[in-house]
Amino acid sequence: MTKQIQVGGVAVGGGAPVSIQSMTNRPAHDVEGTVVQLRQLASAGCEIARLAVPDLEGARAFGKIREQSPLPLVADIHFDYKLALEAAAAGADKIRINPGNIGGEDRVKAVADCCRLHNIPIRIGVNGGSLEKEILAKYGKICPEAMVESAFGHIRLLNQFDFDNICLSLKSSSVPVTMQAYRLMRERSDYPLHLGVTEAGTVKMGTLKSAVGIGGLLALGIGDTIRVSLSADPVEEVYAARDILKAAGVRRDGPELVSCPTCGRTKIDLIGLANQVEERLKGVEKPITVAVMGCVVNGPGEASAADCGIAGGAGEGLLFQKGKIIRKVPQERLIDELFALIESL
């Protein structure tokens, strides 16, 4: 089991539920727009949010945003240690930084001392695309071993100044490299791990890469908090993260949809039906499994493990619960009848 840190009121590691993170994409100084986006993220199921702090104006805005945020906030810092100090003083719940790229040891010490004083954890964010030149020269390429060595170098810097309230990420745009880096780090340390595949891409490909990388690690029992990185609205990241957690069997905090593939026996618009049910399930919070099947003969039996479901036929369909048929329903009322049943569960 990994160590545990506290990010605001959210426990990370030490057996706590795997938490969902995302990152706002409003301009750093846009207080009102960022607060609106944070509320949208919270409504979608996000539990921790990260904000870029690129300059002093952004650091000052961070404090104003923190006062109104419904979520714990992580300040994302690059290079300028003074911004980390400003964000910490403004109430940051966590600092994301690479201790090796903020200057001399006196600057690392200043950040470590400040975060210790305010009990703020630091996430060491190792990225395959920004490894130290000497490490790249040693290994000759971006590889899991290089990323792990980089992480331990940053850990030693913080430990040197009596700071160990640490979380780690080891992200690459390569799924295999990312997965192996996290596996190596889990073998060699017990720091909580923030999982992610960086620069994963658009909603379709980015979700697939994240599902393989993040989901694969979670299925192996590795990972304490996750962020799905997509070139999309951050809310889409949260939806994808929730789905990955469900698919990996890690969390069950909402409905799961199962649906059969189409075949020559299908006599309804199964694809359209499944999409409509999936969309309406976004407003359901019950931890249930809902089935949409395309065959009234085999559907209820094949989906007997589902809490409830529908199976379509020619002009009508079946409403069933735990594999037991409840009644026949006209095709145009299948979805409404299904959600009436869900509401009664």
Protein backbone atom coordinates (compact mmCIF):
# COMPACT_ATOMS: atom_id res chain seq x y z
CA MET A 1 0.00 0.00 0.00
CA THR A 2 1.23 3.49 -0.80
CA LYS A 3 1.66 6.37 1.62
CA GLN A 4 -1.25 8.77 1.92
CA ILE A 5 -1.34 12.50 1.28
CA GLN A 6 -4.18 14.97 1.76
CA VAL A 7 -5.19 17.27 -1.09
CA GLY A 8 -7.63 19.58 0.62
CA GLY A 9 -10.29 17.21 1.91
CA VAL A 10 -9.40 14.42 -0.55
CA ALA A 11 -7.16 11.58 0.60
CA VAL A 12 -4.79 10.22 -2.07
CA GLY A 13 -3.08 6.88 -1.54
CA GLY A 14 -3.05 4.64 1.49
CA GLY A 15 -6.09 2.70 0.37
CA ALA A 16 -8.29 5.75 -0.31
CA PRO A 17 -10.62 5.55 -3.34
CA VAL A 18 -8.92 6.47 -6.61
CA SER A 19 -9.73 10.13 -7.18
CA ILE A 20 -10.49 11.92 -10.46
CA GLN A 21 -8.58 15.01 -11.52
CA SER A 22 -8.78 17.45 -14.40
CA MET A 23 -7.25 20.80 -15.33
CA THR A 24 -8.96 24.06 -16.18
CA ASN A 25 -8.15 25.70 -19.52
CA ARG A 26 -9.40 29.23 -18.99
CA PRO A 27 -6.75 32.01 -19.05
CA ALA A 28 -4.91 32.07 -15.73
CA HIS A 29 -6.23 35.52 -14.83
CA ASP A 30 -9.88 34.76 -15.70
CA VAL A 31 -11.26 34.33 -12.21
CA GLU A 32 -14.95 34.28 -13.10
CA GLY A 33 -14.59 31.94 -16.08
CA THR A 34 -12.36 29.55 -14.15
CA VAL A 35 -14.77 29.35 -11.21
CA VAL A 36 -17.62 28.55 -13.61
CA GLN A 37 -15.51 25.80 -15.17
CA LEU A 38 -14.58 24.40 -11.76
CA ARG A 39 -18.26 24.13 -10.89
CA GLN A 40 -18.89 22.29 -14.17
CA LEU A 41 -16.05 19.90 -13.40
CA ALA A 42 -17.37 19.27 -9.90
CA SER A 43 -20.85 18.53 -11.28
CA ALA A 44 -19.35 16.03 -13.72
CA GLY A 45 -17.61 14.14 -10.90
CA CYS A 46 -14.17 15.74 -10.70
CA GLU A 47 -12.62 15.69 -7.22
CA ILE A 48 -9.35 17.62 -7.63
CA ALA A 49 -8.60 20.36 -10.16
CA ARG A 50 -5.30 21.78 -11.39
CA LEU A 51 -4.70 25.35 -12.54
CA ALA A 52 -1.77 26.67 -14.53
CA VAL A 53 0.10 29.48 -12.74
CA PRO A 54 2.32 30.94 -15.47
CA ASP A 55 3.07 34.34 -13.95
CA LEU A 56 2.53 36.62 -10.97
CA GLU A 57 -0.85 37.76 -12.28
CA GLY A 58 -1.92 34.12 -12.45
CA ALA A 59 -0.67 33.50 -8.91
CA ARG A 60 -2.72 36.40 -7.58
CA ALA A 61 -5.79 35.20 -9.47
CA PHE A 62 -5.22 31.71 -8.03
CA GLY A 63 -5.99 32.99 -4.53
CA LYS A 64 -9.25 34.59 -5.65
CA ILE A 65 -10.25 31.41 -7.47
CA ARG A 66 -9.37 29.30 -4.46
CA GLU A 67 -11.80 31.29 -2.31
CA GLN A 68 -14.71 30.32 -4.60
CA SER A 69 -13.64 26.86 -5.76
CA PRO A 70 -15.86 23.84 -5.01
CA LEU A 71 -12.80 21.61 -5.47
CA PRO A 72 -9.30 21.33 -3.95
CA LEU A 73 -6.87 23.20 -6.21
CA VAL A 74 -3.43 22.20 -7.43
CA ALA A 75 -1.10 24.98 -8.59
CA ASP A 76 0.82 23.94 -11.70
CA ILE A 77 4.26 25.60 -11.57
CA HIS A 78 7.09 25.60 -14.08
CA PHE A 79 10.55 27.10 -13.53
CA ASP A 80 9.71 30.09 -11.29
CA TYR A 81 9.88 29.07 -7.63
CA LYS A 82 8.39 32.40 -6.52
CA LEU A 83 5.09 31.40 -8.14
CA ALA A 84 5.03 28.26 -5.99
CA LEU A 85 5.52 30.41 -2.89
CA GLU A 86 2.74 32.78 -3.98
CA ALA A 87 0.34 29.91 -4.72
CA ALA A 88 1.10 28.22 -1.41
CA ALA A 89 0.43 31.44 0.46
CA ALA A 90 -2.82 31.83 -1.52
CA GLY A 91 -4.16 28.52 -0.24
CA ALA A 92 -3.06 25.92 -2.80
CA ASP A 93 -4.03 22.39 -1.75
CA LYS A 94 -1.12 20.89 -3.67
CA ILE A 95 1.80 22.15 -5.76
CA ARG A 96 2.81 20.44 -8.99
CA ILE A 97 6.45 21.13 -9.69
CA ASN A 98 9.73 19.60 -10.82
CA PRO A 99 12.25 20.53 -8.10
CA GLY A 100 15.07 20.13 -10.60
CA ASN A 101 13.90 22.93 -12.91
CA ILE A 102 13.30 25.80 -10.50
CA GLY A 103 16.91 26.79 -9.93
CA GLY A 104 19.46 26.25 -7.16
CA GLU A 105 19.08 24.35 -3.93
CA ASP A 106 18.20 27.52 -2.04
CA ARG A 107 15.06 27.82 -4.19
CA VAL A 108 14.11 24.18 -3.70
CA LYS A 109 14.57 24.66 0.04
CA ALA A 110 12.34 27.75 0.01
CA VAL A 111 9.51 25.83 -1.67
CA ALA A 112 9.96 22.78 0.58
CA ASP A 113 9.96 24.94 3.71
CA CYS A 114 6.87 26.85 2.59
CA CYS A 115 4.91 23.69 1.70
CA ARG A 116 5.92 22.03 4.98
CA LEU A 117 4.76 25.10 6.91
CA HIS A 118 1.35 25.04 5.22
CA ASN A 119 1.13 21.21 5.09
CA ILE A 120 0.87 21.27 1.29
CA PRO A 121 1.91 18.15 -0.67
CA ILE A 122 4.05 18.41 -3.77
CA ARG A 123 3.50 16.36 -6.91
CA ILE A 124 6.70 15.64 -8.73
CA GLY A 125 5.62 15.58 -12.35
CA VAL A 126 8.08 13.65 -14.53
CA ASN A 127 7.33 13.96 -18.24
CA GLY A 128 9.06 11.85 -20.86
CA GLY A 129 9.35 14.86 -23.16
CA SER A 130 11.25 16.99 -20.68
CA LEU A 131 13.79 14.67 -19.09
CA GLU A 132 17.11 16.10 -17.93
CA LYS A 133 19.79 16.20 -20.64
CA GLU A 134 22.23 14.12 -18.63
CA ILE A 135 19.66 11.38 -18.09
CA LEU A 136 18.73 11.31 -21.76
CA ALA A 137 22.43 11.12 -22.64
CA LYS A 138 22.87 8.20 -20.25
CA TYR A 139 19.99 6.14 -21.64
CA GLY A 140 20.03 7.44 -25.21
CA LYS A 141 16.25 7.70 -25.40
CA ILE A 142 13.06 8.25 -23.44
CA CYS A 143 12.51 5.03 -21.52
CA PRO A 144 10.91 3.89 -18.25
CA GLU A 145 14.26 3.57 -16.48
CA ALA A 146 15.17 7.15 -17.38
CA MET A 147 11.86 8.47 -16.08
CA VAL A 148 12.20 6.59 -12.79
CA GLU A 149 15.77 7.85 -12.33
CA SER A 150 14.55 11.40 -12.92
CA ALA A 151 11.82 10.95 -10.31
CA PHE A 152 14.25 9.71 -7.68
CA GLY A 153 16.54 12.64 -8.38
CA HIS A 154 13.69 15.05 -7.63
CA ILE A 155 12.72 13.06 -4.54
CA ARG A 156 16.27 13.31 -3.18
CA LEU A 157 16.21 17.08 -3.66
CA LEU A 158 13.09 17.43 -1.54
CA ASN A 159 14.20 14.86 1.02
CA GLN A 160 17.42 16.82 1.45
CA PHE A 161 15.32 19.59 2.96
CA ASP A 162 13.26 17.30 5.18
CA PHE A 163 10.26 17.21 2.84
CA ASP A 164 8.52 13.93 2.03
CA ASN A 165 4.85 14.88 1.54
CA ILE A 166 5.12 13.75 -2.07
CA CYS A 167 3.00 12.35 -4.90
CA LEU A 168 4.53 11.19 -8.20
CA SER A 169 3.57 11.09 -11.85
CA LEU A 170 5.62 9.56 -14.66
CA LYS A 171 3.85 10.44 -17.89
CA SER A 172 4.72 9.78 -21.50
CA SER A 173 2.71 9.99 -24.71
CA SER A 174 3.66 6.33 -25.23
CA VAL A 175 1.31 3.95 -23.45
CA PRO A 176 3.86 1.11 -23.05
CA VAL A 177 6.55 3.47 -21.72
CA THR A 178 4.09 5.08 -19.31
CA MET A 179 2.85 1.76 -17.97
CA GLN A 180 6.30 0.32 -17.44
CA ALA A 181 7.54 3.51 -15.74
CA TYR A 182 4.71 3.36 -13.22
CA ARG A 183 5.25 -0.36 -12.63
CA LEU A 184 8.96 0.22 -11.95
CA MET A 185 8.23 3.09 -9.59
CA ARG A 186 5.64 1.06 -7.70
CA GLU A 187 8.24 -1.69 -7.22
CA ARG A 188 10.83 0.75 -5.90
CA SER A 189 8.83 3.19 -3.76
CA ASP A 190 5.61 3.60 -1.83
CA TYR A 191 4.76 7.18 -2.81
CA PRO A 192 1.18 7.68 -4.06
CA LEU A 193 0.99 7.66 -7.84
CA HIS A 194 -0.89 10.12 -10.07
CA LEU A 195 -1.65 8.21 -13.29
CA GLY A 196 -1.92 9.69 -16.75
CA VAL A 197 -0.89 9.35 -20.39
CA THR A 198 0.28 12.78 -21.43
CA GLU A 199 -0.67 14.41 -24.74
CA ALA A 200 -3.02 11.49 -25.34
CA GLY A 201 -4.95 13.24 -28.12
CA THR A 202 -8.55 13.99 -29.01
CA VAL A 203 -11.59 12.49 -27.29
CA LYS A 204 -11.58 9.28 -29.33
CA MET A 205 -7.91 8.34 -29.45
CA GLY A 206 -7.03 10.03 -26.18
CA THR A 207 -9.68 8.09 -24.33
CA LEU A 208 -8.51 4.83 -25.91
CA LYS A 209 -4.88 5.45 -24.97
CA SER A 210 -5.86 6.49 -21.46
CA ALA A 211 -8.15 3.49 -21.05
CA VAL A 212 -5.32 1.13 -21.99
CA GLY A 213 -2.62 2.91 -19.98
CA ILE A 214 -4.50 4.12 -16.92
CA GLY A 215 -7.03 1.30 -16.90
CA GLY A 216 -4.36 -1.35 -17.34
CA LEU A 217 -2.39 -0.03 -14.37
CA LEU A 218 -5.50 0.26 -12.22
CA ALA A 219 -6.42 -3.34 -13.02
CA LEU A 220 -2.97 -4.31 -11.69
CA GLY A 221 -3.62 -2.44 -8.46
CA ILE A 222 -1.36 0.49 -9.36
CA GLY A 223 -2.50 4.11 -9.05
CA ASP A 224 -4.06 6.41 -6.50
CA THR A 225 -5.43 9.33 -8.52
CA ILE A 226 -5.91 9.83 -12.27
CA ARG A 227 -6.13 12.54 -14.89
CA VAL A 228 -7.23 11.75 -18.46
CA SER A 229 -5.51 14.29 -20.73
CA LEU A 230 -7.63 15.15 -23.78
CA SER A 231 -7.64 17.87 -26.42
CA ALA A 232 -11.22 18.64 -25.47
CA ASP A 233 -13.46 20.30 -22.92
CA PRO A 234 -12.08 19.29 -19.48
CA VAL A 235 -15.52 17.92 -18.57
CA GLU A 236 -14.92 15.23 -21.20
CA GLU A 237 -11.81 14.22 -19.26
CA VAL A 238 -13.90 13.64 -16.17
CA TYR A 239 -16.48 11.55 -18.01
CA ALA A 240 -13.69 9.45 -19.54
CA ALA A 241 -12.02 9.02 -16.14
CA ARG A 242 -15.25 7.83 -14.57
CA ASP A 243 -15.74 5.30 -17.35
CA ILE A 244 -12.16 4.03 -17.01
CA LEU A 245 -12.58 3.55 -13.27
CA LYS A 246 -15.76 1.56 -13.88
CA ALA A 247 -14.22 -0.54 -16.65
CA ALA A 248 -11.21 -1.34 -14.45
CA GLY A 249 -13.53 -2.40 -11.63
CA VAL A 250 -12.05 0.19 -9.30
CA ARG A 251 -15.07 2.35 -8.52
CA ARG A 252 -18.82 1.90 -8.71
CA ASP A 253 -20.28 5.33 -8.10
CA GLY A 254 -22.76 5.48 -10.94
CA PRO A 255 -24.50 3.41 -13.60
CA GLU A 256 -22.73 1.13 -16.05
CA LEU A 257 -24.17 0.48 -19.49
CA VAL A 258 -23.75 -2.87 -21.23
CA SER A 259 -25.04 -3.38 -24.76
CA CYS A 260 -24.67 -6.12 -27.33
CA PRO A 261 -23.10 -5.71 -30.76
CA THR A 262 -25.50 -5.66 -33.69
CA CYS A 263 -26.03 -8.72 -35.84
CA GLY A 264 -28.38 -10.00 -38.52
CA ARG A 265 -31.06 -10.80 -35.92
CA THR A 266 -31.37 -7.17 -34.81
CA LYS A 267 -34.71 -5.65 -35.76
CA ILE A 268 -34.37 -2.25 -34.05
CA ASP A 269 -31.99 0.69 -34.19
CA LEU A 270 -29.86 -0.78 -31.42
CA ILE A 271 -27.02 1.71 -31.86
CA GLY A 272 -29.36 4.67 -31.59
CA LEU A 273 -31.16 3.10 -28.65
CA ALA A 274 -27.93 2.44 -26.75
CA ASN A 275 -26.70 5.99 -27.38
CA GLN A 276 -29.94 7.48 -26.08
CA VAL A 277 -29.82 5.35 -22.94
CA GLU A 278 -26.16 6.23 -22.37
CA GLU A 279 -26.94 9.95 -22.62
CA ARG A 280 -29.85 9.76 -20.17
CA LEU A 281 -27.78 7.70 -17.73
CA LYS A 282 -25.51 10.72 -17.23
CA GLY A 283 -28.21 12.07 -14.94
CA VAL A 284 -28.40 8.87 -12.86
CA GLU A 285 -26.19 8.36 -9.81
CA LYS A 286 -27.29 4.86 -8.74
CA PRO A 287 -24.53 2.19 -8.92
CA ILE A 288 -26.47 -0.11 -11.22
CA THR A 289 -25.82 -2.03 -14.44
CA VAL A 290 -28.23 -1.29 -17.29
CA ALA A 291 -28.45 -3.46 -20.40
CA VAL A 292 -29.56 -2.59 -23.92
CA MET A 293 -29.92 -5.76 -25.98
CA GLY A 294 -30.91 -6.27 -29.58
CA CYS A 295 -32.60 -9.64 -29.38
CA VAL A 296 -35.75 -10.49 -27.42
CA VAL A 297 -34.93 -14.21 -27.60
CA ASN A 298 -31.44 -14.20 -26.06
CA GLY A 299 -31.13 -10.68 -24.70
CA PRO A 300 -32.63 -11.01 -21.21
CA GLY A 301 -30.71 -14.21 -20.54
CA GLU A 302 -27.39 -12.89 -21.82
CA ALA A 303 -27.81 -9.77 -19.69
CA SER A 304 -29.10 -11.56 -16.60
CA ALA A 305 -26.33 -10.04 -14.49
CA ALA A 306 -27.65 -6.54 -15.23
CA ASP A 307 -29.93 -4.90 -12.70
CA CYS A 308 -32.38 -4.00 -15.46
CA GLY A 309 -32.56 -3.61 -19.19
CA ILE A 310 -34.44 -3.63 -22.45
CA ALA A 311 -34.34 -5.96 -25.41
CA GLY A 312 -35.69 -4.78 -28.74
CA GLY A 313 -37.74 -6.69 -31.27
CA ALA A 314 -39.90 -5.86 -34.31
CA GLY A 315 -42.17 -3.01 -33.24
CA GLU A 316 -41.89 -3.86 -29.55
CA GLY A 317 -39.43 -4.92 -26.93
CA LEU A 318 -39.03 -6.43 -23.50
CA LEU A 319 -38.40 -4.75 -20.18
CA PHE A 320 -36.51 -7.05 -17.82
CA GLN A 321 -34.89 -7.07 -14.39
CA LYS A 322 -32.09 -9.46 -13.38
CA GLY A 323 -32.86 -11.52 -16.48
CA LYS A 324 -36.56 -11.86 -15.60
CA ILE A 325 -39.00 -10.45 -18.15
CA ILE A 326 -41.38 -7.91 -16.64
CA ARG A 327 -43.50 -7.07 -19.66
CA LYS A 328 -43.64 -6.27 -23.36
CA VAL A 329 -43.39 -2.59 -24.26
CA PRO A 330 -44.08 -0.74 -27.55
CA GLN A 331 -40.78 0.14 -29.18
CA GLU A 332 -41.36 3.90 -28.91
CA ARG A 333 -41.80 3.63 -25.13
CA LEU A 334 -38.88 1.33 -24.35
CA ILE A 335 -36.56 4.04 -23.04
CA ASP A 336 -39.18 5.80 -20.93
CA GLU A 337 -40.29 2.52 -19.39
CA LEU A 338 -36.67 1.59 -18.68
CA PHE A 339 -35.99 4.84 -16.83
CA ALA A 340 -39.22 4.54 -14.89
CA LEU A 341 -37.94 1.16 -13.70
CA ILE A 342 -34.53 2.62 -12.89
CA GLU A 343 -36.18 5.33 -10.80
CA SER A 344 -38.02 2.69 -8.78
CA LEU A 345 -34.90 0.70 -7.96
